[in-house]
């Protein structure tokens, strides 16, 4: 958990990480809440394509009704988040491997967008972490973080 808290403490560490889980999700939620961050869980167990990815993301983050269900709209909403005003944001996406196995090109596009959003929030001085579960960090040249 300490490693993840260290990452959350530094907005310049904003980015996409592989989450090596070795404690309960409740522990993570408590740590995120203590920081005043918004915490979101996206279940990717049934996500096999772009449309499903956008749909589960929009539902989990309660995107506004105007969300356009395309990549540009995803980036627009993730760099706004005014309906979830917080000191930072942590998104845990479980089973990203399912999306990658079924549509690797679109999964990589999603990761690029998440990385761009992390860059945006870093520039705002806010932490933005996308934590991916069930994926090999070497596949995407990502860092891993434990909680």
N, C-alpha and C. Protein backbone atom coordinates (compact mmCIF):
# COMPACT_ATOMS: atom_id res chain seq x y z
N UNK A 1 0.82 -1.19 0.00
CA UNK A 1 0.00 0.00 0.00
C UNK A 1 0.86 1.26 0.00
N UNK A 2 2.01 1.21 0.67
CA UNK A 2 2.87 2.39 0.77
C UNK A 2 3.31 2.86 -0.62
N UNK A 3 3.64 1.93 -1.49
CA UNK A 3 4.08 2.30 -2.83
C UNK A 3 3.00 3.08 -3.57
N UNK A 4 1.77 2.63 -3.46
CA UNK A 4 0.67 3.32 -4.12
C UNK A 4 0.43 4.69 -3.49
N UNK A 5 0.51 4.79 -2.19
CA UNK A 5 0.33 6.07 -1.52
C UNK A 5 1.42 7.05 -1.94
N UNK A 6 2.64 6.56 -2.09
CA UNK A 6 3.72 7.43 -2.57
C UNK A 6 3.41 7.98 -3.96
N UNK A 7 2.86 7.16 -4.82
CA UNK A 7 2.50 7.59 -6.17
C UNK A 7 1.37 8.61 -6.09
N UNK A 8 0.38 8.35 -5.22
CA UNK A 8 -0.75 9.28 -5.09
C UNK A 8 -0.31 10.63 -4.53
N UNK A 9 0.73 10.64 -3.72
CA UNK A 9 1.21 11.88 -3.11
C UNK A 9 1.85 12.84 -4.10
N UNK A 10 2.22 12.37 -5.26
CA UNK A 10 2.97 13.18 -6.21
C UNK A 10 2.22 13.32 -7.53
N UNK A 11 1.62 14.48 -7.79
CA UNK A 11 0.90 14.67 -9.06
C UNK A 11 1.78 14.42 -10.28
N UNK A 12 3.09 14.58 -10.12
CA UNK A 12 3.98 14.33 -11.25
C UNK A 12 4.12 12.84 -11.56
N UNK A 13 3.58 12.00 -10.68
CA UNK A 13 3.55 10.56 -10.92
C UNK A 13 2.28 10.13 -11.64
N UNK A 14 1.44 11.08 -11.99
CA UNK A 14 0.20 10.75 -12.69
C UNK A 14 0.53 9.90 -13.91
N UNK A 15 -0.30 8.90 -14.16
CA UNK A 15 -0.07 8.05 -15.31
C UNK A 15 -0.88 6.78 -15.26
N UNK A 16 -0.52 5.87 -16.15
CA UNK A 16 -1.16 4.57 -16.26
C UNK A 16 -0.20 3.54 -15.67
N UNK A 17 -0.72 2.76 -14.73
CA UNK A 17 0.08 1.78 -14.02
C UNK A 17 -0.61 0.42 -14.00
N UNK A 18 0.18 -0.61 -13.89
CA UNK A 18 -0.36 -1.94 -13.64
C UNK A 18 -0.46 -2.10 -12.14
N UNK A 19 -1.62 -2.50 -11.67
CA UNK A 19 -1.87 -2.66 -10.25
C UNK A 19 -1.61 -4.10 -9.84
N UNK A 20 -0.62 -4.27 -8.99
CA UNK A 20 -0.31 -5.58 -8.44
C UNK A 20 -1.05 -5.68 -7.12
N UNK A 21 -2.20 -6.31 -7.12
CA UNK A 21 -3.03 -6.33 -5.93
C UNK A 21 -2.55 -7.38 -4.94
N UNK A 22 -2.40 -6.93 -3.71
CA UNK A 22 -2.12 -7.86 -2.63
C UNK A 22 -2.83 -7.43 -1.35
N UNK A 23 -3.86 -6.60 -1.51
CA UNK A 23 -4.73 -6.26 -0.39
C UNK A 23 -6.12 -5.95 -0.94
N UNK A 24 -7.07 -5.80 -0.07
CA UNK A 24 -8.45 -5.63 -0.48
C UNK A 24 -8.69 -4.29 -1.17
N UNK A 25 -9.65 -4.28 -2.07
CA UNK A 25 -10.04 -3.04 -2.76
C UNK A 25 -10.51 -2.00 -1.75
N UNK A 26 -11.09 -2.45 -0.64
CA UNK A 26 -11.56 -1.53 0.39
C UNK A 26 -10.40 -0.72 0.95
N UNK A 27 -9.22 -1.35 1.12
CA UNK A 27 -8.04 -0.63 1.60
C UNK A 27 -7.67 0.49 0.64
N UNK A 28 -7.72 0.20 -0.65
CA UNK A 28 -7.42 1.20 -1.66
C UNK A 28 -8.43 2.33 -1.60
N UNK A 29 -9.71 1.99 -1.53
CA UNK A 29 -10.75 3.02 -1.47
C UNK A 29 -10.56 3.93 -0.27
N UNK A 30 -10.21 3.36 0.86
CA UNK A 30 -10.00 4.17 2.08
C UNK A 30 -8.82 5.12 1.91
N UNK A 31 -7.73 4.62 1.32
CA UNK A 31 -6.55 5.47 1.11
C UNK A 31 -6.87 6.61 0.15
N UNK A 32 -7.61 6.30 -0.90
CA UNK A 32 -7.99 7.31 -1.89
C UNK A 32 -8.91 8.36 -1.24
N UNK A 33 -9.87 7.89 -0.46
CA UNK A 33 -10.81 8.81 0.21
C UNK A 33 -10.08 9.73 1.18
N UNK A 34 -9.09 9.22 1.90
CA UNK A 34 -8.33 10.05 2.84
C UNK A 34 -7.61 11.18 2.12
N UNK A 35 -7.25 10.96 0.88
CA UNK A 35 -6.56 11.97 0.08
C UNK A 35 -7.53 13.01 -0.49
N UNK A 36 -8.81 12.72 -0.45
CA UNK A 36 -9.80 13.61 -1.06
C UNK A 36 -9.91 13.40 -2.56
N UNK A 37 -9.51 12.21 -3.02
CA UNK A 37 -9.53 11.90 -4.43
C UNK A 37 -10.85 11.22 -4.80
N UNK A 38 -11.23 11.36 -6.05
CA UNK A 38 -12.34 10.60 -6.59
C UNK A 38 -11.84 9.21 -6.93
N UNK A 39 -12.62 8.21 -6.60
CA UNK A 39 -12.24 6.82 -6.83
C UNK A 39 -13.31 6.14 -7.68
N UNK A 40 -12.86 5.46 -8.72
CA UNK A 40 -13.78 4.82 -9.65
C UNK A 40 -13.30 3.41 -9.96
N UNK A 41 -14.24 2.49 -10.09
CA UNK A 41 -13.92 1.11 -10.43
C UNK A 41 -14.63 0.76 -11.73
N UNK A 42 -13.86 0.29 -12.69
CA UNK A 42 -14.39 -0.12 -13.98
C UNK A 42 -14.14 -1.61 -14.11
N UNK A 43 -15.21 -2.37 -14.27
CA UNK A 43 -15.11 -3.83 -14.42
C UNK A 43 -15.05 -4.17 -15.90
N UNK A 44 -13.89 -4.60 -16.34
CA UNK A 44 -13.70 -4.91 -17.75
C UNK A 44 -13.85 -6.37 -18.10
N UNK A 45 -14.44 -7.17 -17.23
CA UNK A 45 -14.54 -8.62 -17.45
C UNK A 45 -15.26 -8.97 -18.74
N UNK A 46 -16.19 -8.14 -19.17
CA UNK A 46 -16.97 -8.44 -20.38
C UNK A 46 -16.71 -7.47 -21.52
N UNK A 47 -15.65 -6.68 -21.41
CA UNK A 47 -15.35 -5.67 -22.43
C UNK A 47 -14.49 -6.30 -23.53
N UNK A 48 -15.08 -6.36 -24.74
CA UNK A 48 -14.36 -6.96 -25.85
C UNK A 48 -14.10 -6.00 -27.00
N UNK A 49 -14.71 -4.82 -26.94
CA UNK A 49 -14.52 -3.88 -28.04
C UNK A 49 -14.63 -2.43 -27.53
N UNK A 50 -14.38 -1.51 -28.43
CA UNK A 50 -14.40 -0.08 -28.11
C UNK A 50 -15.74 0.36 -27.52
N UNK A 51 -16.83 -0.03 -28.15
CA UNK A 51 -18.15 0.40 -27.68
C UNK A 51 -18.42 -0.08 -26.26
N UNK A 52 -18.07 -1.31 -25.97
CA UNK A 52 -18.26 -1.84 -24.62
C UNK A 52 -17.36 -1.10 -23.63
N UNK A 53 -16.12 -0.83 -24.05
CA UNK A 53 -15.20 -0.09 -23.19
C UNK A 53 -15.79 1.27 -22.84
N UNK A 54 -16.22 2.01 -23.85
CA UNK A 54 -16.77 3.34 -23.62
C UNK A 54 -18.02 3.29 -22.76
N UNK A 55 -18.84 2.28 -22.96
CA UNK A 55 -20.07 2.14 -22.19
C UNK A 55 -19.80 1.89 -20.71
N UNK A 56 -18.91 0.95 -20.40
CA UNK A 56 -18.64 0.66 -18.98
C UNK A 56 -17.91 1.83 -18.32
N UNK A 57 -17.07 2.51 -19.07
CA UNK A 57 -16.36 3.67 -18.54
C UNK A 57 -17.34 4.79 -18.22
N UNK A 58 -18.24 5.07 -19.16
CA UNK A 58 -19.23 6.14 -18.96
C UNK A 58 -20.11 5.85 -17.76
N UNK A 59 -20.49 4.60 -17.59
CA UNK A 59 -21.34 4.23 -16.46
C UNK A 59 -20.57 4.35 -15.14
N UNK A 60 -19.36 3.82 -15.10
CA UNK A 60 -18.58 3.82 -13.86
C UNK A 60 -18.22 5.23 -13.40
N UNK A 61 -17.95 6.12 -14.34
CA UNK A 61 -17.58 7.49 -13.98
C UNK A 61 -18.76 8.46 -14.08
N UNK A 62 -19.93 7.92 -14.33
CA UNK A 62 -21.16 8.72 -14.39
C UNK A 62 -21.00 9.93 -15.32
N UNK A 63 -20.55 9.63 -16.53
CA UNK A 63 -20.38 10.70 -17.51
C UNK A 63 -21.71 11.40 -17.77
N UNK A 64 -21.65 12.68 -18.10
CA UNK A 64 -22.88 13.44 -18.41
C UNK A 64 -23.61 12.85 -19.63
N UNK A 65 -24.88 13.18 -19.73
CA UNK A 65 -25.72 12.66 -20.81
C UNK A 65 -25.19 13.04 -22.19
N UNK A 66 -24.43 14.11 -22.28
CA UNK A 66 -23.92 14.55 -23.59
C UNK A 66 -22.70 13.74 -24.06
N UNK A 67 -22.22 12.80 -23.27
CA UNK A 67 -21.07 11.98 -23.67
C UNK A 67 -21.35 11.34 -25.03
N UNK A 68 -20.41 11.52 -25.97
CA UNK A 68 -20.62 11.11 -27.35
C UNK A 68 -20.20 9.69 -27.71
N UNK A 69 -19.73 8.90 -26.79
CA UNK A 69 -19.35 7.50 -27.03
C UNK A 69 -18.36 7.37 -28.19
N UNK A 70 -17.30 8.19 -28.13
CA UNK A 70 -16.18 8.06 -29.05
C UNK A 70 -14.92 8.46 -28.29
N UNK A 71 -13.76 8.24 -28.89
CA UNK A 71 -12.49 8.49 -28.18
C UNK A 71 -12.33 9.96 -27.80
N UNK A 72 -12.69 10.87 -28.69
CA UNK A 72 -12.56 12.30 -28.37
C UNK A 72 -13.44 12.68 -27.18
N UNK A 73 -14.65 12.15 -27.15
CA UNK A 73 -15.56 12.44 -26.03
C UNK A 73 -15.01 11.86 -24.72
N UNK A 74 -14.39 10.70 -24.79
CA UNK A 74 -13.79 10.12 -23.60
C UNK A 74 -12.71 11.05 -23.04
N UNK A 75 -11.83 11.50 -23.92
CA UNK A 75 -10.76 12.41 -23.46
C UNK A 75 -11.34 13.72 -22.94
N UNK A 76 -12.35 14.24 -23.61
CA UNK A 76 -12.99 15.47 -23.14
C UNK A 76 -13.55 15.31 -21.73
N UNK A 77 -14.25 14.23 -21.49
CA UNK A 77 -14.84 14.01 -20.16
C UNK A 77 -13.77 13.76 -19.11
N UNK A 78 -12.75 13.01 -19.46
CA UNK A 78 -11.71 12.71 -18.48
C UNK A 78 -10.82 13.91 -18.15
N UNK A 79 -10.81 14.90 -19.01
CA UNK A 79 -10.05 16.12 -18.70
C UNK A 79 -10.96 17.22 -18.17
N UNK A 80 -12.19 16.88 -17.89
CA UNK A 80 -13.13 17.80 -17.27
C UNK A 80 -13.43 17.31 -15.85
N UNK A 81 -14.22 16.28 -15.73
CA UNK A 81 -14.60 15.67 -14.44
C UNK A 81 -15.17 16.68 -13.44
N UNK A 82 -15.76 17.77 -13.94
CA UNK A 82 -16.32 18.79 -13.05
C UNK A 82 -17.49 18.25 -12.23
N UNK A 83 -18.12 17.19 -12.69
CA UNK A 83 -19.22 16.58 -11.94
C UNK A 83 -18.70 15.68 -10.80
N UNK A 84 -17.38 15.52 -10.74
CA UNK A 84 -16.72 14.78 -9.66
C UNK A 84 -15.57 15.63 -9.12
N UNK A 85 -15.84 16.81 -8.66
CA UNK A 85 -14.77 17.69 -8.18
C UNK A 85 -14.02 17.00 -7.04
N UNK A 86 -12.70 16.89 -7.20
CA UNK A 86 -11.87 16.20 -6.21
C UNK A 86 -10.44 16.73 -6.32
N UNK A 87 -9.62 16.36 -5.34
CA UNK A 87 -8.21 16.77 -5.34
C UNK A 87 -7.36 15.94 -6.29
N UNK A 88 -7.88 14.84 -6.76
CA UNK A 88 -7.20 13.95 -7.68
C UNK A 88 -8.15 12.82 -8.05
N UNK A 89 -7.70 11.95 -8.94
CA UNK A 89 -8.58 10.89 -9.43
C UNK A 89 -7.81 9.58 -9.55
N UNK A 90 -8.46 8.50 -9.12
CA UNK A 90 -7.89 7.16 -9.24
C UNK A 90 -8.95 6.27 -9.88
N UNK A 91 -8.60 5.70 -11.01
CA UNK A 91 -9.50 4.79 -11.72
C UNK A 91 -8.85 3.40 -11.70
N UNK A 92 -9.56 2.45 -11.15
CA UNK A 92 -9.10 1.06 -11.15
C UNK A 92 -9.90 0.32 -12.22
N UNK A 93 -9.21 -0.18 -13.21
CA UNK A 93 -9.85 -0.92 -14.30
C UNK A 93 -9.42 -2.38 -14.18
N UNK A 94 -10.35 -3.23 -13.76
CA UNK A 94 -10.03 -4.65 -13.62
C UNK A 94 -10.28 -5.39 -14.94
N UNK A 95 -9.48 -6.39 -15.17
CA UNK A 95 -9.58 -7.27 -16.34
C UNK A 95 -9.37 -6.54 -17.67
N UNK A 96 -8.38 -5.65 -17.69
CA UNK A 96 -8.04 -4.98 -18.95
C UNK A 96 -7.56 -6.00 -19.98
N UNK A 97 -7.07 -7.13 -19.51
CA UNK A 97 -6.58 -8.17 -20.41
C UNK A 97 -7.66 -8.66 -21.38
N UNK A 98 -8.93 -8.65 -20.96
CA UNK A 98 -10.01 -9.11 -21.82
C UNK A 98 -10.13 -8.19 -23.05
N UNK A 99 -10.14 -6.89 -22.82
CA UNK A 99 -10.22 -5.92 -23.92
C UNK A 99 -9.01 -6.08 -24.84
N UNK A 100 -7.83 -6.17 -24.25
CA UNK A 100 -6.62 -6.29 -25.05
C UNK A 100 -6.62 -7.56 -25.91
N UNK A 101 -7.07 -8.67 -25.34
CA UNK A 101 -7.09 -9.94 -26.08
C UNK A 101 -8.04 -9.88 -27.27
N UNK A 102 -9.16 -9.18 -27.13
CA UNK A 102 -10.16 -9.13 -28.18
C UNK A 102 -9.93 -8.01 -29.20
N UNK A 103 -9.32 -6.93 -28.77
CA UNK A 103 -9.11 -5.79 -29.69
C UNK A 103 -7.87 -5.00 -29.27
N UNK A 104 -6.68 -5.57 -29.52
CA UNK A 104 -5.45 -4.93 -29.04
C UNK A 104 -5.22 -3.52 -29.56
N UNK A 105 -5.63 -3.23 -30.79
CA UNK A 105 -5.41 -1.89 -31.35
C UNK A 105 -6.24 -0.86 -30.58
N UNK A 106 -7.51 -1.15 -30.35
CA UNK A 106 -8.37 -0.20 -29.62
C UNK A 106 -7.95 -0.12 -28.15
N UNK A 107 -7.48 -1.21 -27.58
CA UNK A 107 -7.00 -1.18 -26.19
C UNK A 107 -5.79 -0.26 -26.07
N UNK A 108 -4.91 -0.32 -27.04
CA UNK A 108 -3.75 0.59 -27.03
C UNK A 108 -4.19 2.05 -27.20
N UNK A 109 -5.19 2.29 -28.03
CA UNK A 109 -5.72 3.64 -28.17
C UNK A 109 -6.26 4.13 -26.83
N UNK A 110 -7.00 3.29 -26.13
CA UNK A 110 -7.53 3.65 -24.81
C UNK A 110 -6.40 4.01 -23.86
N UNK A 111 -5.33 3.24 -23.87
CA UNK A 111 -4.19 3.53 -22.99
C UNK A 111 -3.52 4.85 -23.37
N UNK A 112 -3.42 5.13 -24.66
CA UNK A 112 -2.86 6.41 -25.08
C UNK A 112 -3.70 7.57 -24.56
N UNK A 113 -5.00 7.43 -24.62
CA UNK A 113 -5.90 8.49 -24.13
C UNK A 113 -5.72 8.65 -22.62
N UNK A 114 -5.65 7.55 -21.90
CA UNK A 114 -5.46 7.63 -20.45
C UNK A 114 -4.14 8.33 -20.11
N UNK A 115 -3.12 8.03 -20.87
CA UNK A 115 -1.82 8.66 -20.66
C UNK A 115 -1.89 10.16 -20.94
N UNK A 116 -2.59 10.53 -22.02
CA UNK A 116 -2.77 11.95 -22.34
C UNK A 116 -3.54 12.67 -21.24
N UNK A 117 -4.55 12.01 -20.69
CA UNK A 117 -5.34 12.60 -19.60
C UNK A 117 -4.47 12.78 -18.35
N UNK A 118 -3.62 11.81 -18.08
CA UNK A 118 -2.70 11.93 -16.94
C UNK A 118 -1.77 13.13 -17.15
N UNK A 119 -1.30 13.32 -18.38
CA UNK A 119 -0.46 14.48 -18.68
C UNK A 119 -1.22 15.78 -18.42
N UNK A 120 -2.48 15.82 -18.84
CA UNK A 120 -3.30 17.00 -18.63
C UNK A 120 -3.42 17.31 -17.13
N UNK A 121 -3.80 16.31 -16.33
CA UNK A 121 -4.00 16.54 -14.90
C UNK A 121 -2.69 16.85 -14.19
N UNK A 122 -1.61 16.27 -14.65
CA UNK A 122 -0.30 16.60 -14.08
C UNK A 122 -0.04 18.09 -14.25
N UNK A 123 -0.39 18.62 -15.41
CA UNK A 123 -0.23 20.05 -15.67
C UNK A 123 -1.13 20.92 -14.81
N UNK A 124 -2.20 20.33 -14.30
CA UNK A 124 -3.12 21.04 -13.40
C UNK A 124 -2.71 20.89 -11.94
N UNK A 125 -1.65 20.11 -11.70
CA UNK A 125 -1.19 19.87 -10.34
C UNK A 125 -2.05 18.87 -9.57
N UNK A 126 -2.80 18.04 -10.31
CA UNK A 126 -3.64 17.02 -9.69
C UNK A 126 -3.19 15.63 -10.11
N UNK A 127 -3.31 14.71 -9.18
CA UNK A 127 -2.99 13.32 -9.46
C UNK A 127 -4.12 12.68 -10.27
N UNK A 128 -3.73 11.94 -11.30
CA UNK A 128 -4.67 11.16 -12.10
C UNK A 128 -3.99 9.82 -12.35
N UNK A 129 -4.55 8.77 -11.75
CA UNK A 129 -3.97 7.44 -11.89
C UNK A 129 -4.97 6.50 -12.54
N UNK A 130 -4.52 5.82 -13.56
CA UNK A 130 -5.28 4.74 -14.16
C UNK A 130 -4.55 3.47 -13.76
N UNK A 131 -5.18 2.65 -12.93
CA UNK A 131 -4.57 1.43 -12.42
C UNK A 131 -5.22 0.24 -13.11
N UNK A 132 -4.42 -0.49 -13.85
CA UNK A 132 -4.93 -1.63 -14.62
C UNK A 132 -4.66 -2.93 -13.88
N UNK A 133 -5.70 -3.72 -13.75
CA UNK A 133 -5.54 -5.04 -13.16
C UNK A 133 -5.52 -6.10 -14.25
N UNK A 134 -4.88 -7.21 -13.98
CA UNK A 134 -4.87 -8.37 -14.87
C UNK A 134 -4.24 -8.08 -16.22
N UNK A 135 -3.09 -7.46 -16.20
CA UNK A 135 -2.37 -7.19 -17.46
C UNK A 135 -0.87 -7.20 -17.16
N UNK A 136 -0.10 -7.59 -18.13
CA UNK A 136 1.36 -7.65 -17.99
C UNK A 136 1.95 -6.28 -18.31
N UNK A 137 2.63 -5.69 -17.33
CA UNK A 137 3.18 -4.34 -17.55
C UNK A 137 4.19 -4.30 -18.69
N UNK A 138 4.86 -5.42 -18.96
CA UNK A 138 5.87 -5.44 -20.02
C UNK A 138 5.23 -5.37 -21.40
N UNK A 139 3.99 -5.78 -21.48
CA UNK A 139 3.27 -5.75 -22.74
C UNK A 139 3.09 -4.31 -23.23
N UNK A 140 2.97 -3.38 -22.30
CA UNK A 140 2.74 -1.99 -22.65
C UNK A 140 3.86 -1.08 -22.18
N UNK A 141 4.92 -1.63 -21.64
CA UNK A 141 6.02 -0.85 -21.09
C UNK A 141 5.49 0.11 -20.02
N UNK A 142 4.69 -0.46 -19.10
CA UNK A 142 4.13 0.33 -18.00
C UNK A 142 4.83 -0.02 -16.70
N UNK A 143 4.81 0.91 -15.77
CA UNK A 143 5.30 0.62 -14.43
C UNK A 143 4.22 -0.09 -13.66
N UNK A 144 4.65 -0.86 -12.66
CA UNK A 144 3.66 -1.48 -11.78
C UNK A 144 3.70 -0.79 -10.44
N UNK A 145 2.60 -0.90 -9.72
CA UNK A 145 2.49 -0.30 -8.40
C UNK A 145 1.72 -1.27 -7.52
N UNK A 146 2.17 -1.41 -6.29
CA UNK A 146 1.50 -2.30 -5.34
C UNK A 146 0.65 -1.51 -4.39
N UNK A 147 -0.40 -2.14 -3.94
CA UNK A 147 -1.18 -1.56 -2.85
C UNK A 147 -1.43 -2.61 -1.79
